[in-house]
Amino acid sequence: MVETARISIERVYDTPVDNSCARLLVDGIWPRGVSKDELSIDAWIKNVAPSANLRKWFDHDREKWGEFRNRYLHELADNRDAVGECLDWCRKGPVILLYAAKDRDHNQAVVLREYLTQRLKSTDV
């Protein structure tokens, strides 16, 4: 088994910390108030984001976090192409998953990082 790449998460509104990592936007909708020229990204993998129905249902309600996490993990398990694209980036080196949500602890990037980390540990890279 090959050592897995480091996966970090960062808000799109934060000043970039590490420019040596691949920067992947993982929101399904382009972040408000940010131009494409302003946001330095290597890829926008919008299909890895939670479905519109799940996103709207969750509505960043912390009381729904556990159920949101479970539902999103199921969506990721069924989303081979977009997850595969993320895994390809992770296999190349360190990655930063970018998201726009205000809550740094309860957002899809947190769940996605967990999922990708587990996938990388369970498969040969």
Protein backbone atom coordinates (compact mmCIF):
# COMPACT_ATOMS: atom_id res chain seq x y z
CA MET A 1 0.00 0.00 0.00
CA VAL A 2 1.31 3.43 -0.95
CA GLU A 3 1.29 6.28 1.54
CA THR A 4 -1.70 8.53 0.85
CA ALA A 5 -1.56 12.18 -0.03
CA ARG A 6 -2.38 14.85 2.49
CA ILE A 7 -5.91 16.22 2.12
CA SER A 8 -6.72 19.60 3.66
CA ILE A 9 -9.83 21.73 3.55
CA GLU A 10 -10.10 25.49 3.22
CA ARG A 11 -12.83 28.08 2.71
CA VAL A 12 -12.74 29.78 -0.68
CA TYR A 13 -12.89 33.14 1.12
CA ASP A 14 -9.66 32.50 3.05
CA THR A 15 -6.29 33.66 1.83
CA PRO A 16 -4.57 30.61 0.31
CA VAL A 17 -2.11 29.08 2.75
CA ASP A 18 -0.23 26.61 0.58
CA ASN A 19 0.19 27.14 -3.15
CA SER A 20 2.08 23.87 -3.61
CA CYS A 21 -1.10 21.78 -3.20
CA ALA A 22 -3.69 21.05 -5.85
CA ARG A 23 -6.72 23.23 -5.11
CA LEU A 24 -10.07 21.58 -5.88
CA LEU A 25 -13.37 23.40 -5.58
CA VAL A 26 -15.89 20.81 -4.39
CA ASP A 27 -19.07 22.91 -4.25
CA GLY A 28 -21.84 22.31 -6.74
CA ILE A 29 -22.50 26.03 -7.09
CA TRP A 30 -19.87 28.70 -7.76
CA PRO A 31 -19.20 30.66 -4.52
CA ARG A 32 -20.94 34.02 -4.21
CA GLY A 33 -18.86 37.13 -4.59
CA VAL A 34 -15.79 35.35 -5.96
CA SER A 35 -14.74 35.77 -9.57
CA LYS A 36 -13.14 32.94 -11.47
CA ASP A 37 -10.02 35.06 -11.81
CA GLU A 38 -9.80 35.61 -8.04
CA LEU A 39 -10.08 31.97 -7.04
CA SER A 40 -6.94 30.07 -7.81
CA ILE A 41 -8.06 26.48 -8.45
CA ASP A 42 -6.73 23.50 -10.35
CA ALA A 43 -10.15 21.95 -10.89
CA TRP A 44 -13.81 22.48 -10.12
CA ILE A 45 -15.27 19.05 -9.38
CA LYS A 46 -18.87 20.17 -8.95
CA ASN A 47 -20.32 16.68 -9.44
CA VAL A 48 -18.74 15.49 -6.19
CA ALA A 49 -20.86 17.96 -4.20
CA PRO A 50 -24.01 16.79 -2.40
CA SER A 51 -27.09 16.56 -4.59
CA ALA A 52 -29.26 19.68 -4.77
CA ASN A 53 -31.97 17.91 -2.77
CA LEU A 54 -29.56 16.91 0.00
CA ARG A 55 -27.96 20.35 0.10
CA LYS A 56 -31.34 22.06 0.37
CA TRP A 57 -32.56 19.59 3.00
CA PHE A 58 -29.45 20.08 5.16
CA ASP A 59 -29.47 23.88 4.83
CA HIS A 60 -26.41 24.00 7.12
CA ASP A 61 -28.53 22.99 10.14
CA ARG A 62 -26.13 21.49 12.70
CA GLU A 63 -28.94 19.37 14.16
CA LYS A 64 -29.15 17.56 10.81
CA TRP A 65 -25.36 17.05 10.58
CA GLY A 66 -25.28 13.33 11.45
CA GLU A 67 -28.00 12.45 8.97
CA PHE A 68 -26.50 14.74 6.32
CA ARG A 69 -23.13 13.01 6.75
CA ASN A 70 -24.68 9.57 6.34
CA ARG A 71 -26.71 10.56 3.29
CA TYR A 72 -23.75 12.27 1.64
CA LEU A 73 -21.51 9.24 2.26
CA HIS A 74 -24.11 7.13 0.43
CA GLU A 75 -24.14 9.59 -2.44
CA LEU A 76 -20.35 9.47 -2.63
CA ALA A 77 -20.38 5.67 -2.72
CA ASP A 78 -22.64 5.87 -5.79
CA ASN A 79 -20.64 8.64 -7.47
CA ARG A 80 -17.69 6.77 -8.98
CA ASP A 81 -16.70 9.28 -11.65
CA ALA A 82 -16.47 12.41 -9.51
CA VAL A 83 -14.93 10.54 -6.57
CA GLY A 84 -12.46 8.94 -8.99
CA GLU A 85 -11.45 12.37 -10.26
CA CYS A 86 -10.78 13.52 -6.69
CA LEU A 87 -8.83 10.34 -5.94
CA ASP A 88 -6.70 10.88 -9.05
CA TRP A 89 -5.71 14.32 -7.77
CA CYS A 90 -5.00 12.90 -4.30
CA ARG A 91 -2.74 10.22 -5.74
CA LYS A 92 -0.62 12.90 -7.43
CA GLY A 93 0.13 14.77 -4.22
CA PRO A 94 -1.30 17.03 -1.51
CA VAL A 95 -4.78 18.41 -2.14
CA ILE A 96 -6.85 21.24 -0.68
CA LEU A 97 -10.62 20.80 -0.92
CA LEU A 98 -12.24 24.22 -1.24
CA TYR A 99 -15.76 24.99 -0.04
CA ALA A 100 -17.83 28.14 0.55
CA ALA A 101 -19.91 27.27 3.63
CA LYS A 102 -19.49 29.47 6.71
CA ASP A 103 -19.36 26.54 9.13
CA ARG A 104 -15.84 25.13 9.06
CA ASP A 105 -16.75 21.94 10.93
CA HIS A 106 -20.07 20.98 9.37
CA ASN A 107 -19.81 21.05 5.58
CA GLN A 108 -19.45 18.63 2.69
CA ALA A 109 -15.67 19.09 2.42
CA VAL A 110 -15.25 17.61 5.91
CA VAL A 111 -17.19 14.50 4.87
CA LEU A 112 -15.47 14.30 1.48
CA ARG A 113 -12.00 14.46 3.07
CA GLU A 114 -12.96 11.63 5.42
CA TYR A 115 -14.34 9.56 2.53
CA LEU A 116 -11.33 10.12 0.25
CA THR A 117 -8.89 9.35 3.05
CA GLN A 118 -10.65 6.04 3.74
CA ARG A 119 -10.74 5.16 0.04
CA LEU A 120 -7.02 5.88 -0.35
CA LYS A 121 -6.18 3.73 2.68
CA SER A 122 -8.28 0.81 1.43
CA THR A 123 -6.91 0.66 -2.11
CA ASP A 124 -3.50 0.50 -3.68
CA VAL A 125 -2.64 3.83 -5.20
